[in-house]
């Protein structure tokens, strides 16, 4: 028994009595569950009131609860407490048209992920999340097949309105879960199905680490090892035009670009793929260029790689794999960095300067040896080809000294000045480095992690 009297509970429950959703929570849930469910969409005051109603039902019986609800029913005859209104009333109050912050997701628990029994509703609001099993909700709302279709349509339409945009948060498997629900209950609604397929490609593929699982989910009858080309062919056979598929695919690649491609295998998402007779290389090329800038900034400026750590991986890739990605981006795109876009070349050169200003001369020199000619940094001014990276490195070092002065990195500045033979500068920087107890040294570690002869 609860400590509150019936009179006390009645007073505490008043904020919930005019709201059908809160009353239904009290009728069907434990006090703690009623509170948690109410809190997802209601202020704390109403959530506490729903808990008090549930306590009343538990401690004083259903008849006491129903009598109180009827006493406070709306005077226009549309009493929200009428149990004969049943499922339609609960559906309208818990999942109305335009319901917010509800998505379909999957909670497998040993079930087939392409079966509706694997689905759940995720209610998220106010920083809190609650999972409700799909079948559990259908049973709790006492929905027949027609009511279940209404529920699925309302939630999926809301998902498209709320989450199918680049700025919205994306929950893992939400769009493939919606696809399962549509194929189960709304298979004849081709327009809605096309919208979900498009959202799945753009957003779920856009955040996926690896394609295989998601490819399996999108294809109605996948082979043992389905491919991304199978997805493209399926979309075309479903009724998408080639232009629609191409636009969809580019938007997916841009989504992956915004997420900084959290996988080592992003070139798999366009390399060798065709839409009709045309491959995707040309439309993906601008994205590849931006990705290259992202990767160069990571390694040269942000220092995302610790090349001294032999077991180091970044998002699953070892140094050798990373260089393969850079090779692809540098050499396989249709963009000639040597002769176009001086602004971009200056940006890349600034990355090299910032890298050297951090003392990472091994990293900068290796990248110049491997890619300097392609970026246009190793100019042929009567210098033998094998000495071009060294000449470019000297220019970058001189620029980096200015960066080190601004950042008060006098130990690195001393080492750079000594290397360039500028002894007066080196002596001056050394005194300042000593006063700040800075080590006079440069980092050549990159050579130990990467094969220079590749």
Protein backbone atom coordinates (compact mmCIF):
# COMPACT_ATOMS: atom_id res chain seq x y z
CA UNK A 1 0.00 0.00 0.00
CA UNK A 2 1.05 3.56 -0.66
CA UNK A 3 1.30 6.04 2.18
CA UNK A 4 -0.99 8.61 0.52
CA UNK A 5 -4.66 8.55 1.33
CA UNK A 6 -7.29 8.51 -1.40
CA UNK A 7 -7.94 12.18 -0.76
CA UNK A 8 -4.24 13.02 -1.13
CA UNK A 9 -3.93 10.97 -4.32
CA UNK A 10 -7.01 12.69 -5.76
CA UNK A 11 -5.41 16.10 -5.29
CA UNK A 12 -2.10 14.94 -6.75
CA UNK A 13 -3.84 13.36 -9.77
CA UNK A 14 -5.87 16.41 -10.80
CA UNK A 15 -3.34 17.70 -13.47
CA UNK A 16 -3.73 14.41 -15.38
CA UNK A 17 -7.48 13.96 -15.35
CA UNK A 18 -8.29 16.02 -18.44
CA UNK A 19 -5.66 14.39 -20.63
CA UNK A 20 -6.60 11.08 -22.23
CA UNK A 21 -3.00 10.01 -22.82
CA UNK A 22 -2.13 10.38 -19.13
CA UNK A 23 -5.31 8.63 -18.02
CA UNK A 24 -4.55 5.72 -20.36
CA UNK A 25 -1.06 5.41 -18.89
CA UNK A 26 -2.60 5.16 -15.42
CA UNK A 27 -5.07 2.51 -16.63
CA UNK A 28 -2.49 0.24 -18.25
CA UNK A 29 0.90 0.84 -16.62
CA UNK A 30 2.57 0.49 -13.28
CA UNK A 31 3.08 3.79 -11.40
CA UNK A 32 6.75 3.98 -12.37
CA UNK A 33 6.08 3.13 -16.03
CA UNK A 34 3.22 5.63 -16.19
CA UNK A 35 5.57 8.31 -14.90
CA UNK A 36 8.36 7.44 -17.36
CA UNK A 37 6.05 7.29 -20.39
CA UNK A 38 4.33 10.54 -19.46
CA UNK A 39 7.65 12.29 -18.93
CA UNK A 40 8.62 11.65 -22.55
CA UNK A 41 5.99 14.12 -23.77
CA UNK A 42 4.64 15.96 -20.75
CA UNK A 43 6.00 18.30 -18.05
CA UNK A 44 7.06 16.73 -14.77
CA UNK A 45 3.91 17.99 -13.01
CA UNK A 46 1.60 16.03 -15.30
CA UNK A 47 3.90 12.99 -15.21
CA UNK A 48 3.70 12.92 -11.41
CA UNK A 49 -0.09 13.22 -11.67
CA UNK A 50 -0.22 10.20 -14.00
CA UNK A 51 1.83 8.24 -11.46
CA UNK A 52 -0.61 9.22 -8.72
CA UNK A 53 -3.52 7.97 -10.83
CA UNK A 54 -1.72 4.67 -11.40
CA UNK A 55 -1.10 4.37 -7.64
CA UNK A 56 -4.82 5.00 -7.08
CA UNK A 57 -5.73 2.17 -9.46
CA UNK A 58 -3.24 -0.16 -7.80
CA UNK A 59 -4.16 0.62 -4.19
CA UNK A 60 -7.87 1.47 -4.37
CA UNK A 61 -9.01 -0.42 -7.46
CA UNK A 62 -10.00 0.27 -11.05
CA UNK A 63 -13.52 1.34 -10.06
CA UNK A 64 -12.15 4.15 -7.90
CA UNK A 65 -10.00 5.39 -10.77
CA UNK A 66 -12.83 5.27 -13.31
CA UNK A 67 -15.24 7.03 -10.96
CA UNK A 68 -12.78 9.87 -10.44
CA UNK A 69 -12.10 10.13 -14.17
CA UNK A 70 -15.81 10.32 -14.96
CA UNK A 71 -16.29 13.06 -12.37
CA UNK A 72 -13.76 15.19 -14.22
CA UNK A 73 -14.76 14.28 -17.77
CA UNK A 74 -15.24 17.06 -20.32
CA UNK A 75 -18.77 18.53 -20.19
CA UNK A 76 -19.32 18.38 -23.98
CA UNK A 77 -19.94 14.64 -23.93
CA UNK A 78 -16.56 13.71 -25.45
CA UNK A 79 -15.31 12.13 -22.27
CA UNK A 80 -11.82 10.90 -22.77
CA UNK A 81 -12.38 8.19 -20.16
CA UNK A 82 -14.98 6.21 -22.10
CA UNK A 83 -13.41 2.76 -22.35
CA UNK A 84 -15.66 1.83 -25.29
CA UNK A 85 -13.78 4.36 -27.41
CA UNK A 86 -10.83 2.11 -26.74
CA UNK A 87 -8.16 1.70 -29.38
CA UNK A 88 -9.01 4.63 -31.65
CA UNK A 89 -8.91 7.04 -28.72
CA UNK A 90 -5.55 5.76 -27.48
CA UNK A 91 -4.10 5.80 -30.99
CA UNK A 92 -5.20 9.41 -31.52
CA UNK A 93 -3.75 10.55 -28.21
CA UNK A 94 -0.53 8.52 -28.12
CA UNK A 95 0.27 8.64 -31.86
CA UNK A 96 -1.71 11.52 -33.35
CA UNK A 97 -1.25 12.95 -36.83
CA UNK A 98 2.13 14.70 -36.81
CA UNK A 99 3.39 12.81 -33.76
CA UNK A 100 6.85 14.08 -32.82
CA UNK A 101 10.03 12.44 -31.51
CA UNK A 102 8.97 8.89 -32.38
CA UNK A 103 10.98 6.69 -34.73
CA UNK A 104 10.99 3.05 -35.71
CA UNK A 105 14.16 1.19 -34.80
CA UNK A 106 15.16 -2.45 -34.36
CA UNK A 107 15.79 -4.43 -31.22
CA UNK A 108 16.63 -7.86 -32.54
CA UNK A 109 16.59 -10.11 -29.46
CA UNK A 110 17.07 -13.15 -31.65
CA UNK A 111 14.40 -12.24 -34.20
CA UNK A 112 14.81 -11.93 -37.96
CA UNK A 113 15.81 -8.28 -38.55
CA UNK A 114 13.60 -8.18 -41.66
CA UNK A 115 10.55 -9.29 -39.65
CA UNK A 116 8.17 -6.89 -37.93
CA UNK A 117 8.76 -8.63 -34.57
CA UNK A 118 12.24 -7.10 -34.53
CA UNK A 119 10.86 -3.54 -34.52
CA UNK A 120 10.44 -1.10 -31.67
CA UNK A 121 9.28 2.47 -31.25
CA UNK A 122 11.91 4.85 -29.91
CA UNK A 123 10.38 7.79 -28.02
CA UNK A 124 12.96 10.50 -27.48
CA UNK A 125 12.32 13.87 -25.89
CA UNK A 126 13.99 16.09 -23.33
CA UNK A 127 17.20 14.08 -23.45
CA UNK A 128 15.42 10.85 -22.45
CA UNK A 129 14.75 7.77 -24.57
CA UNK A 130 12.25 4.95 -24.20
CA UNK A 131 11.98 1.79 -26.31
CA UNK A 132 8.55 0.19 -26.76
CA UNK A 133 8.26 -3.06 -28.70
CA UNK A 134 6.19 -2.81 -31.88
CA UNK A 135 3.99 -5.81 -31.04
CA UNK A 136 3.67 -4.64 -27.44
CA UNK A 137 2.37 -1.25 -28.57
CA UNK A 138 -0.07 -2.78 -31.05
CA UNK A 139 -1.42 -5.04 -28.32
CA UNK A 140 -1.52 -2.27 -25.70
CA UNK A 141 -3.46 -0.02 -28.07
CA UNK A 142 -5.72 -2.97 -29.03
CA UNK A 143 -5.26 -2.25 -32.73
CA UNK A 144 -6.69 -4.37 -35.50
CA UNK A 145 -4.97 -4.56 -38.92
CA UNK A 146 -6.53 -1.28 -40.10
CA UNK A 147 -5.48 0.49 -36.90
CA UNK A 148 -1.97 -0.89 -37.20
CA UNK A 149 -1.72 0.52 -40.72
CA UNK A 150 -2.78 3.92 -39.40
CA UNK A 151 -0.13 3.71 -36.69
CA UNK A 152 2.62 2.76 -39.16
CA UNK A 153 1.64 5.49 -41.61
CA UNK A 154 1.56 8.19 -38.93
CA UNK A 155 4.95 7.29 -37.47
CA UNK A 156 6.67 6.90 -40.85
CA UNK A 157 5.20 10.12 -42.23
CA UNK A 158 6.39 11.91 -39.12
CA UNK A 159 9.87 10.38 -39.51
CA UNK A 160 10.09 11.69 -43.06
CA UNK A 161 8.90 15.15 -42.02
CA UNK A 162 11.17 15.37 -38.99
CA UNK A 163 14.33 13.41 -39.79
CA UNK A 164 14.79 13.31 -43.58
CA UNK A 165 17.08 16.34 -43.70
CA UNK A 166 20.86 16.78 -43.29
CA UNK A 167 20.63 18.60 -39.94
CA UNK A 168 18.44 16.05 -38.16
CA UNK A 169 19.92 13.39 -35.85
CA UNK A 170 20.01 9.95 -37.41
CA UNK A 171 19.36 6.82 -35.39
CA UNK A 172 20.97 3.60 -36.52
CA UNK A 173 18.64 1.38 -38.59
CA UNK A 174 15.71 3.82 -38.39
CA UNK A 175 15.08 3.94 -42.15
CA UNK A 176 15.55 0.22 -42.78
CA UNK A 177 13.18 -0.37 -39.84
CA UNK A 178 10.62 1.87 -41.50
CA UNK A 179 11.13 -0.13 -44.69
CA UNK A 180 10.33 -3.37 -42.84
CA UNK A 181 7.13 -1.84 -41.45
CA UNK A 182 6.03 -0.50 -44.86
CA UNK A 183 6.67 -3.79 -46.62
CA UNK A 184 4.64 -5.55 -43.94
CA UNK A 185 1.63 -3.21 -43.71
CA UNK A 186 1.72 -0.66 -46.56
CA UNK A 187 3.28 -2.59 -49.43
CA UNK A 188 0.86 -1.10 -51.97
CA UNK A 189 1.84 2.50 -51.17
CA UNK A 190 4.59 2.95 -53.74
CA UNK A 191 4.94 6.70 -53.12
CA UNK A 192 5.65 6.27 -49.42
CA UNK A 193 7.90 3.29 -50.15
CA UNK A 194 9.96 5.36 -52.62
CA UNK A 195 10.38 8.14 -50.05
CA UNK A 196 11.65 5.66 -47.48
CA UNK A 197 14.02 3.99 -49.96
CA UNK A 198 15.44 7.42 -50.81
CA UNK A 199 15.88 8.34 -47.12
CA UNK A 200 17.48 4.96 -46.43
CA UNK A 201 20.07 5.43 -49.18
CA UNK A 202 20.87 9.05 -48.32
CA UNK A 203 20.91 8.92 -44.53
CA UNK A 204 21.34 5.32 -43.39
CA UNK A 205 23.96 4.56 -46.03
CA UNK A 206 25.36 7.99 -45.20
CA UNK A 207 26.29 6.99 -41.64
CA UNK A 208 26.92 3.27 -42.18
CA UNK A 209 30.41 2.01 -41.42
CA UNK A 210 30.13 -0.92 -43.81
CA UNK A 211 27.59 -1.40 -46.62
CA UNK A 212 26.97 -5.15 -46.50
CA UNK A 213 24.38 -5.27 -43.71
CA UNK A 214 22.41 -2.29 -45.02
CA UNK A 215 22.51 -3.63 -48.58
CA UNK A 216 20.98 -6.84 -47.28
CA UNK A 217 18.17 -4.87 -45.60
CA UNK A 218 17.22 -2.75 -48.61
CA UNK A 219 16.97 -5.60 -51.13
CA UNK A 220 13.75 -7.62 -50.90
CA UNK A 221 15.42 -10.86 -52.07
CA UNK A 222 19.19 -10.40 -51.65
CA UNK A 223 21.75 -12.86 -52.90
CA UNK A 224 24.27 -14.43 -50.56
CA UNK A 225 26.69 -11.53 -51.08
CA UNK A 226 24.68 -8.51 -52.25
CA UNK A 227 26.57 -5.47 -53.52
CA UNK A 228 25.99 -1.74 -53.80
CA UNK A 229 25.55 -2.23 -57.55
CA UNK A 230 22.63 -4.56 -56.71
CA UNK A 231 21.07 -1.69 -54.76
CA UNK A 232 21.42 0.71 -57.71
CA UNK A 233 19.93 -1.87 -60.09
CA UNK A 234 17.04 -2.51 -57.66
CA UNK A 235 16.25 1.20 -57.37
CA UNK A 236 16.13 1.51 -61.15
CA UNK A 237 13.89 -1.54 -61.44
CA UNK A 238 11.58 -0.16 -58.75
CA UNK A 239 10.84 2.93 -60.81
CA UNK A 240 13.48 5.52 -59.95
CA UNK A 241 14.96 7.27 -62.99
CA UNK A 242 18.71 7.28 -63.60
CA UNK A 243 18.85 10.98 -62.70
CA UNK A 244 16.97 10.33 -59.44
CA UNK A 245 19.36 7.53 -58.46
CA UNK A 246 22.38 9.64 -59.37
CA UNK A 247 21.16 12.59 -57.27
CA UNK A 248 20.28 10.25 -54.41
CA UNK A 249 23.72 8.66 -54.47
CA UNK A 250 25.54 12.00 -54.54
CA UNK A 251 23.49 13.20 -51.55
CA UNK A 252 24.46 10.01 -49.71
CA UNK A 253 28.15 10.65 -50.47
CA UNK A 254 27.77 14.21 -49.20
CA UNK A 255 26.21 12.85 -46.01
CA UNK A 256 29.22 10.59 -45.59
CA UNK A 257 31.48 13.56 -46.30
CA UNK A 258 29.78 15.59 -43.56
CA UNK A 259 30.34 12.67 -41.21
CA UNK A 260 34.05 12.68 -42.22
CA UNK A 261 33.65 9.17 -43.67
CA UNK A 262 33.87 7.11 -40.53
CA UNK A 263 35.24 4.15 -42.46
CA UNK A 264 38.38 3.24 -44.35
CA UNK A 265 36.39 1.95 -47.29
CA UNK A 266 34.51 4.98 -48.53
CA UNK A 267 35.76 4.58 -52.10
CA UNK A 268 33.71 1.36 -52.24
CA UNK A 269 30.64 3.60 -52.30
CA UNK A 270 31.37 4.87 -55.80
CA UNK A 271 34.40 3.13 -57.31
CA UNK A 272 33.29 0.90 -60.20
CA UNK A 273 29.56 1.57 -59.68
CA UNK A 274 27.36 2.42 -62.66
CA UNK A 275 23.97 4.07 -63.04
CA UNK A 276 22.83 2.76 -66.38
CA UNK A 277 25.83 3.01 -68.70
CA UNK A 278 27.56 5.83 -66.80
CA UNK A 279 29.81 5.25 -63.81
CA UNK A 280 29.69 7.45 -60.72
CA UNK A 281 33.28 8.63 -60.83
CA UNK A 282 32.57 11.97 -62.47
CA UNK A 283 29.76 12.99 -60.09
CA UNK A 284 31.78 11.80 -57.10
CA UNK A 285 34.95 13.65 -58.08
CA UNK A 286 34.18 16.96 -56.30
CA UNK A 287 33.37 15.02 -53.14
CA UNK A 288 36.63 13.09 -53.47
CA UNK A 289 38.56 16.36 -53.65
CA UNK A 290 36.96 17.62 -50.45
CA UNK A 291 37.63 14.30 -48.77
CA UNK A 292 41.28 14.60 -49.73
CA UNK A 293 41.43 18.01 -48.07
CA UNK A 294 39.80 16.53 -44.96
CA UNK A 295 42.29 13.67 -44.81
CA UNK A 296 45.28 15.95 -45.39
CA UNK A 297 44.09 18.29 -42.68
CA UNK A 298 43.67 15.36 -40.28
CA UNK A 299 47.19 14.06 -40.76
CA UNK A 300 49.11 17.31 -41.32
CA UNK A 301 47.30 19.81 -39.11
CA UNK A 302 45.23 18.01 -36.51
CA UNK A 303 47.76 15.29 -35.78
CA UNK A 304 45.19 12.48 -35.81
CA UNK A 305 47.86 9.85 -36.42
CA UNK A 306 50.40 8.55 -33.94
CA UNK A 307 52.85 6.89 -36.26
CA UNK A 308 55.03 5.70 -33.35
CA UNK A 309 52.33 3.29 -32.23
CA UNK A 310 52.76 0.03 -34.22
CA UNK A 311 49.24 -1.19 -33.47
CA UNK A 312 47.64 2.16 -34.23
CA UNK A 313 44.50 2.29 -36.33
CA UNK A 314 42.18 5.15 -37.11
CA UNK A 315 38.61 4.07 -37.63
CA UNK A 316 39.89 0.60 -38.40
CA UNK A 317 42.71 1.53 -40.75
CA UNK A 318 46.42 1.04 -40.32
CA UNK A 319 48.97 3.49 -41.82
CA UNK A 320 49.40 1.39 -44.96
CA UNK A 321 45.62 1.32 -45.53
CA UNK A 322 45.46 5.06 -45.01
CA UNK A 323 48.08 5.60 -47.70
CA UNK A 324 46.06 3.44 -50.09
CA UNK A 325 43.08 5.73 -49.50
CA UNK A 326 45.19 8.82 -50.17
CA UNK A 327 46.61 7.20 -53.30
CA UNK A 328 43.09 6.64 -54.57
CA UNK A 329 42.01 10.21 -53.83
CA UNK A 330 45.16 11.80 -55.22
CA UNK A 331 45.71 9.75 -58.35
CA UNK A 332 42.30 8.38 -59.33
CA UNK A 333 40.25 11.56 -59.39
CA UNK A 334 39.96 13.69 -62.52
CA UNK A 335 41.29 16.82 -60.81
CA UNK A 336 44.78 18.08 -61.64
CA UNK A 337 46.02 19.89 -58.55
CA UNK A 338 49.15 21.19 -60.32
CA UNK A 339 47.44 23.50 -62.78
CA UNK A 340 44.10 24.47 -61.25
CA UNK A 341 42.70 26.32 -58.25
CA UNK A 342 45.54 28.31 -56.72
CA UNK A 343 43.40 28.94 -53.63
CA UNK A 344 43.16 25.23 -52.90
CA UNK A 345 46.89 24.73 -53.54
CA UNK A 346 47.64 27.50 -51.06
CA UNK A 347 45.34 25.83 -48.52
CA UNK A 348 47.18 22.50 -48.90
CA UNK A 349 50.54 24.27 -48.63
CA UNK A 350 49.35 25.88 -45.39
CA UNK A 351 48.65 22.36 -44.06
CA UNK A 352 52.28 21.42 -44.72
CA UNK A 353 53.51 24.58 -43.00
CA UNK A 354 51.37 23.92 -39.92
CA UNK A 355 52.61 20.33 -39.84
CA UNK A 356 56.27 21.39 -39.85
CA UNK A 357 55.50 24.09 -37.26
CA UNK A 358 54.43 21.22 -34.98
CA UNK A 359 57.83 19.65 -35.55
CA UNK A 360 56.46 16.80 -37.69
CA UNK A 361 59.08 17.05 -40.42
CA UNK A 362 59.04 13.32 -41.11
CA UNK A 363 55.33 13.42 -41.89
CA UNK A 364 55.60 16.53 -44.07
CA UNK A 365 58.64 15.31 -46.00
CA UNK A 366 57.16 11.89 -46.68
CA UNK A 367 53.93 13.45 -47.99
CA UNK A 368 55.99 15.76 -50.23
CA UNK A 369 57.97 12.84 -51.61
CA UNK A 370 54.83 10.88 -52.34
CA UNK A 371 52.41 13.61 -53.47
CA UNK A 372 54.33 16.90 -53.84
CA UNK A 373 54.52 16.80 -57.64
CA UNK A 374 50.79 16.16 -57.93
CA UNK A 375 50.03 19.12 -55.64
CA UNK A 376 52.35 21.36 -57.65
CA UNK A 377 54.78 22.03 -54.77
CA UNK A 378 57.82 20.40 -56.36
CA UNK A 379 58.57 22.79 -59.21
CA UNK A 380 61.21 22.09 -61.84
CA UNK A 381 63.51 25.12 -61.50
CA UNK A 382 66.65 23.39 -62.76
CA UNK A 383 66.49 21.00 -59.80
CA UNK A 384 66.89 17.27 -60.26
CA UNK A 385 63.58 15.44 -59.68
CA UNK A 386 64.88 13.54 -56.64
CA UNK A 387 65.83 16.83 -54.96
CA UNK A 388 62.54 18.62 -55.61
CA UNK A 389 60.88 17.52 -52.33
CA UNK A 390 63.92 18.75 -50.37
CA UNK A 391 63.74 22.15 -52.08
CA UNK A 392 60.01 22.38 -51.35
CA UNK A 393 60.69 21.32 -47.77
CA UNK A 394 63.10 24.21 -47.28
CA UNK A 395 60.49 26.69 -48.44
CA UNK A 396 57.95 25.18 -46.08
CA UNK A 397 60.42 25.20 -43.18
CA UNK A 398 61.10 28.92 -43.63
CA UNK A 399 57.37 29.62 -43.55
CA UNK A 400 56.97 27.33 -40.52
CA UNK A 401 59.47 29.33 -38.46
CA UNK A 402 57.04 32.24 -38.52
CA UNK A 403 54.27 29.92 -37.26
CA UNK A 404 56.45 28.66 -34.41
CA UNK A 405 57.22 32.21 -33.31
CA UNK A 406 53.52 33.03 -33.13
CA UNK A 407 52.84 29.89 -31.08
CA UNK A 408 55.98 30.43 -28.91
CA UNK A 409 57.27 26.97 -29.91
CA UNK A 410 60.88 28.09 -29.68
CA UNK A 411 62.38 24.61 -29.38
CA UNK A 412 61.00 23.66 -32.80
CA UNK A 413 61.96 27.08 -34.18
CA UNK A 414 65.56 26.53 -33.00
CA UNK A 415 65.78 23.13 -34.69
CA UNK A 416 64.32 24.48 -37.95
CA UNK A 417 66.69 27.47 -37.99
CA UNK A 418 69.68 25.19 -37.34
CA UNK A 419 68.64 22.91 -40.21
CA UNK A 420 68.43 25.93 -42.56
CA UNK A 421 71.82 27.22 -41.38
CA UNK A 422 70.40 30.40 -39.89
CA UNK A 423 72.63 30.37 -36.80
CA UNK A 424 71.77 33.84 -35.50
CA UNK A 425 68.08 32.97 -35.42
CA UNK A 426 68.84 29.57 -33.91
CA UNK A 427 70.86 31.12 -31.05
CA UNK A 428 68.12 33.63 -30.30
CA UNK A 429 65.40 30.98 -30.32
CA UNK A 430 67.52 28.65 -28.15
CA UNK A 431 67.66 31.15 -25.31
CA UNK A 432 63.89 31.54 -25.37
CA UNK A 433 63.42 27.75 -25.55
CA UNK A 434 65.61 27.30 -22.46
CA UNK A 435 63.61 29.86 -20.52
CA UNK A 436 60.46 27.86 -21.30
CA UNK A 437 62.21 24.46 -20.82
CA UNK A 438 61.33 23.45 -24.38
CA UNK A 439 63.16 20.59 -26.08
CA UNK A 440 65.12 21.45 -29.23
CA UNK A 441 64.17 18.62 -31.62
CA UNK A 442 62.15 17.63 -34.67
CA UNK A 443 60.00 14.54 -35.14
CA UNK A 444 61.07 12.17 -37.96
CA UNK A 445 58.88 9.27 -36.79
CA UNK A 446 56.79 9.03 -39.95
CA UNK A 447 59.56 7.16 -41.74
CA UNK A 448 59.34 4.28 -39.30
CA UNK A 449 55.66 3.62 -39.93
CA UNK A 450 55.39 3.91 -43.71
CA UNK A 451 57.42 2.25 -46.45
CA UNK A 452 59.15 5.13 -48.23
CA UNK A 453 59.63 3.10 -51.39
CA UNK A 454 55.98 2.40 -52.09
